[in-house]
Structure formats: structure tokens, C-alpha cells
Amino acid sequence: MSKISPCLWFDGEAEEAANFYVSLLPDSRIDRVQKNVTDSPAGKVGTVLVVDFTLAGQRFMALNGGTRFDYTHAISFHVDCADQAEVDRLWDALSDGGVAERCGWLRDRYGVSWQIVPKVLGEMLGDRDAARAQRVMQAMLQMVKLDIAGLKAAYDGRPAA
């Protein structure tokens, strides 16, 4: 098990957010919920202080730190999706109450940045044929939620359907 795990800072929504995230991906679970044993900036006695959880096999910690801080794109969670159905499912769930952005990026209802990306995108962008890779890049830059059929059309040099 890794010694390093991301800590997400919340203002009272740590348990709610952790439960939401683990509902989305296989190999995910709540590992521990730690309550405040004394009143603190993070909350009153008995309220949730820390939630340790596993998301797709990766350990995370959610902390109710007391004051809300904004997340930035400097740190985001990249999800490799097997197919369009997985892209659509995760995109719809994570963008609900959040903000959809360009190129497969979104901010969820808690302000956390996510990249919902079909695995095939990396393969197409890494193609030795620079013209193919360039067409895929240009197609991706025009998309909000990534569309595998549109990316493949660009890769093949066909107009998008």
C-alpha cells in the first residue's frame, strides 16, 4: 500500500463527498470515519472530522477542515474510461451540480477537478502519424465531454457524424 494519498479538504461535506465518490467506481469503499472528539474549527464534538476511503483502489482522505478552499486545475483526478458508456456515466454523475468544462474536464459539486477521458485518447494522441494525432487533438479541443466516435472520426480523417 502506498505511503502517499491525496487529502481533499471540505467544509462539512467530507463524508457526503466520500460516499458519492465511492458510489461511482468499482474497488471503492469507505474505510474509516473519524469523529471530532472535541470542538474545533473543523466542527463540534461528534461531527465528522476525517473520512478515509478507497477510490478505484487508491487511498484518499477527506477532511472537514472548517474553512472552504477552492480547488484548482493544478491538481485533478484523471479517470481512464474503457468506453463511451463509462465516460457518459461518470460525466453525468460528476457534472451533476458541478460545472462542465472543455476537453473532458469538469468540476464536481464540491469543486474538485476531474478529467473523464476514454483510454483510447492517449493511444490516438501518441500515434506515430503526426497528422492523425493532430486531427485528434483539434477534435478534442472542440469538445466538452469527450466523444469516442468523434475522436475516432478525426483519427481516421473522416468528418464527425
Protein backbone atom coordinates (compact mmCIF):
# COMPACT_ATOMS: atom_id res chain seq x y z
CA MET A 1 0.00 0.00 0.00
CA SER A 2 1.28 3.47 -0.89
CA LYS A 3 2.56 5.83 1.80
CA ILE A 4 1.13 8.78 -0.13
CA SER A 5 -2.56 9.50 -0.54
CA PRO A 6 -4.44 12.63 -1.59
CA CYS A 7 -6.24 14.62 1.10
CA LEU A 8 -9.34 16.50 -0.03
CA TRP A 9 -10.39 19.48 2.11
CA PHE A 10 -14.08 20.12 2.73
CA ASP A 11 -16.22 22.38 4.88
CA GLY A 12 -18.58 19.85 6.44
CA GLU A 13 -19.17 17.70 3.31
CA ALA A 14 -16.31 15.18 3.69
CA GLU A 15 -18.49 12.14 4.41
CA GLU A 16 -21.10 13.10 1.81
CA ALA A 17 -18.42 13.60 -0.86
CA ALA A 18 -16.60 10.36 0.00
CA ASN A 19 -19.85 8.38 -0.16
CA PHE A 20 -20.64 9.98 -3.53
CA TYR A 21 -17.22 9.19 -4.98
CA VAL A 22 -17.16 5.55 -3.83
CA SER A 23 -20.60 5.01 -5.39
CA LEU A 24 -19.14 5.74 -8.83
CA LEU A 25 -16.21 3.37 -9.29
CA PRO A 26 -15.53 -0.32 -8.67
CA ASP A 27 -12.99 -1.27 -5.98
CA SER A 28 -14.13 1.68 -3.87
CA ARG A 29 -15.24 1.82 -0.24
CA ILE A 30 -15.35 3.87 2.95
CA ASP A 31 -12.54 2.58 5.16
CA ARG A 32 -12.98 4.70 8.31
CA VAL A 33 -14.94 7.65 9.60
CA GLN A 34 -13.31 9.58 12.44
CA LYS A 35 -15.46 11.92 14.51
CA ASN A 36 -14.34 15.05 16.35
CA VAL A 37 -13.66 14.22 20.00
CA THR A 38 -13.51 17.90 20.91
CA ASP A 39 -14.92 21.12 19.47
CA SER A 40 -12.55 22.56 16.87
CA PRO A 41 -12.57 24.77 13.76
CA ALA A 42 -13.45 21.56 11.89
CA GLY A 43 -16.70 21.10 13.83
CA LYS A 44 -18.41 20.24 17.07
CA VAL A 45 -17.89 17.09 19.12
CA GLY A 46 -19.38 14.10 17.31
CA THR A 47 -19.31 15.59 13.81
CA VAL A 48 -17.14 14.02 11.10
CA LEU A 49 -13.52 15.14 11.05
CA VAL A 50 -11.87 12.65 8.63
CA VAL A 51 -13.07 10.02 6.20
CA ASP A 52 -10.53 7.53 4.91
CA PHE A 53 -11.74 5.94 1.70
CA THR A 54 -10.53 3.92 -1.25
CA LEU A 55 -11.45 5.03 -4.75
CA ALA A 56 -10.72 2.56 -7.55
CA GLY A 57 -8.01 1.00 -5.38
CA GLN A 58 -6.37 4.36 -4.48
CA ARG A 59 -6.44 5.54 -0.87
CA PHE A 60 -7.83 9.02 -0.16
CA MET A 61 -8.61 11.10 2.88
CA ALA A 62 -11.45 13.62 3.10
CA LEU A 63 -11.00 16.22 5.83
CA ASN A 64 -13.59 18.63 7.18
CA GLY A 65 -11.09 21.44 7.68
CA GLY A 66 -13.56 24.14 8.67
CA THR A 67 -12.96 26.80 6.04
CA ARG A 68 -13.63 26.21 2.35
CA PHE A 69 -10.68 26.49 -0.01
CA ASP A 70 -11.07 26.42 -3.77
CA TYR A 71 -9.55 23.59 -5.75
CA THR A 72 -7.66 24.40 -8.95
CA HIS A 73 -6.83 22.51 -12.13
CA ALA A 74 -3.26 22.27 -10.84
CA ILE A 75 -4.48 19.09 -9.10
CA SER A 76 -7.17 16.98 -10.74
CA PHE A 77 -8.27 13.37 -10.87
CA HIS A 78 -7.83 11.66 -14.23
CA VAL A 79 -10.13 8.69 -14.88
CA ASP A 80 -9.27 6.34 -17.76
CA CYS A 81 -12.59 5.12 -19.14
CA ALA A 82 -12.90 1.86 -21.07
CA ASP A 83 -15.70 3.02 -23.37
CA GLN A 84 -18.24 5.76 -24.11
CA ALA A 85 -20.76 4.28 -21.67
CA GLU A 86 -18.29 4.73 -18.81
CA VAL A 87 -17.40 8.26 -19.98
CA ASP A 88 -21.11 9.14 -20.11
CA ARG A 89 -21.94 7.59 -16.70
CA LEU A 90 -19.09 9.27 -14.84
CA TRP A 91 -19.52 12.57 -16.70
CA ASP A 92 -23.22 12.72 -15.90
CA ALA A 93 -22.74 11.84 -12.22
CA LEU A 94 -19.75 14.09 -11.54
CA SER A 95 -21.03 17.10 -13.50
CA ASP A 96 -24.45 16.98 -11.79
CA GLY A 97 -24.41 20.10 -9.63
CA GLY A 98 -20.96 20.95 -10.93
CA VAL A 99 -19.53 22.69 -13.98
CA ALA A 100 -18.68 21.07 -17.31
CA GLU A 101 -15.53 22.40 -18.91
CA ARG A 102 -13.58 21.80 -22.12
CA CYS A 103 -11.57 18.77 -23.21
CA GLY A 104 -13.13 16.27 -20.81
CA TRP A 105 -12.60 18.38 -17.69
CA LEU A 106 -15.25 19.19 -15.12
CA ARG A 107 -15.60 20.44 -11.58
CA ASP A 108 -17.94 18.39 -9.43
CA ARG A 109 -20.46 19.80 -6.94
CA TYR A 110 -17.67 20.07 -4.34
CA GLY A 111 -15.36 21.97 -6.68
CA VAL A 112 -12.95 19.06 -7.26
CA SER A 113 -11.49 18.93 -10.80
CA TRP A 114 -11.81 15.72 -12.81
CA GLN A 115 -10.66 14.60 -16.24
CA ILE A 116 -13.03 11.97 -17.66
CA VAL A 117 -11.04 10.52 -20.53
CA PRO A 118 -11.50 7.50 -22.79
CA LYS A 119 -8.41 5.32 -22.63
CA VAL A 120 -8.20 5.28 -26.44
CA LEU A 121 -7.45 9.04 -26.47
CA GLY A 122 -3.88 8.54 -25.25
CA GLU A 123 -3.28 5.91 -27.91
CA MET A 124 -4.57 8.18 -30.67
CA LEU A 125 -2.64 11.24 -29.44
CA GLY A 126 0.51 9.13 -29.28
CA ASP A 127 0.20 7.77 -32.82
CA ARG A 128 3.42 7.96 -34.86
CA ASP A 129 1.42 9.57 -37.66
CA ALA A 130 1.60 13.22 -36.59
CA ALA A 131 -1.29 14.23 -38.88
CA ARG A 132 -3.61 11.71 -37.20
CA ALA A 133 -2.56 12.82 -33.73
CA GLN A 134 -3.02 16.48 -34.71
CA ARG A 135 -6.55 15.84 -36.02
CA VAL A 136 -7.46 14.10 -32.76
CA MET A 137 -6.01 16.96 -30.72
CA GLN A 138 -8.01 19.51 -32.72
CA ALA A 139 -11.20 17.47 -32.32
CA MET A 140 -10.64 17.10 -28.58
CA LEU A 141 -10.07 20.83 -28.15
CA GLN A 142 -13.55 21.46 -29.58
CA MET A 143 -15.29 19.03 -27.21
CA VAL A 144 -16.64 19.46 -23.72
CA LYS A 145 -17.47 15.83 -22.81
CA LEU A 146 -15.19 13.63 -24.88
CA ASP A 147 -16.86 11.61 -27.62
CA ILE A 148 -15.02 8.49 -28.75
CA ALA A 149 -16.84 8.31 -32.11
CA GLY A 150 -15.87 11.92 -32.87
CA LEU A 151 -12.27 11.30 -31.82
CA LYS A 152 -12.09 8.16 -33.98
CA ALA A 153 -13.56 10.04 -36.95
CA ALA A 154 -10.87 12.68 -36.60
CA TYR A 155 -8.22 9.97 -36.23
CA ASP A 156 -9.42 8.33 -39.45
CA GLY A 157 -9.67 11.67 -41.29
CA ARG A 158 -13.46 11.44 -41.58
CA PRO A 159 -15.94 14.21 -40.73
CA ALA A 160 -17.64 13.81 -37.36
CA ALA A 161 -21.14 12.33 -37.57
